[in-house]
């Protein structure tokens, strides 16, 4: 039994579980290189409650843990069902962000790290 087993009840998102204690799961990002300066990051965020405003940030780090670039956005996952309590439904956010990197050979995409951070904005407010 792991120390996080008590949080398993939040693994399935329903209207009743879309509160402050719910979590957003961000999967590993894909990194592509387009020439010398552009870096494309594809972000996929699962388990997002519909009707709740979400802020997502993507941060690019070098091998010395310095922040090279960051971008963020806010969005809302649309409701697909009239009465969400009758359905176990969570949304997914998929976005492609393109970064411009400094003009140095030391910024090889294979050596960069990408972190994704997400949280609900106004989690206790009624759905949008």
Foldseek 3Di string as FASTA:
>chain_A
DDPCVVVVVLVFDFPVSLFQPHDKDKDAWDWDDDPQWKIKTKTKIKQAAALFKKKKKKFKAALVRDTFDMDMDIDGHHDPDPDRNVDRDIDMDIDMDMGTGDRDPSPDVVRMDMDMDMHTDPSVDDGD
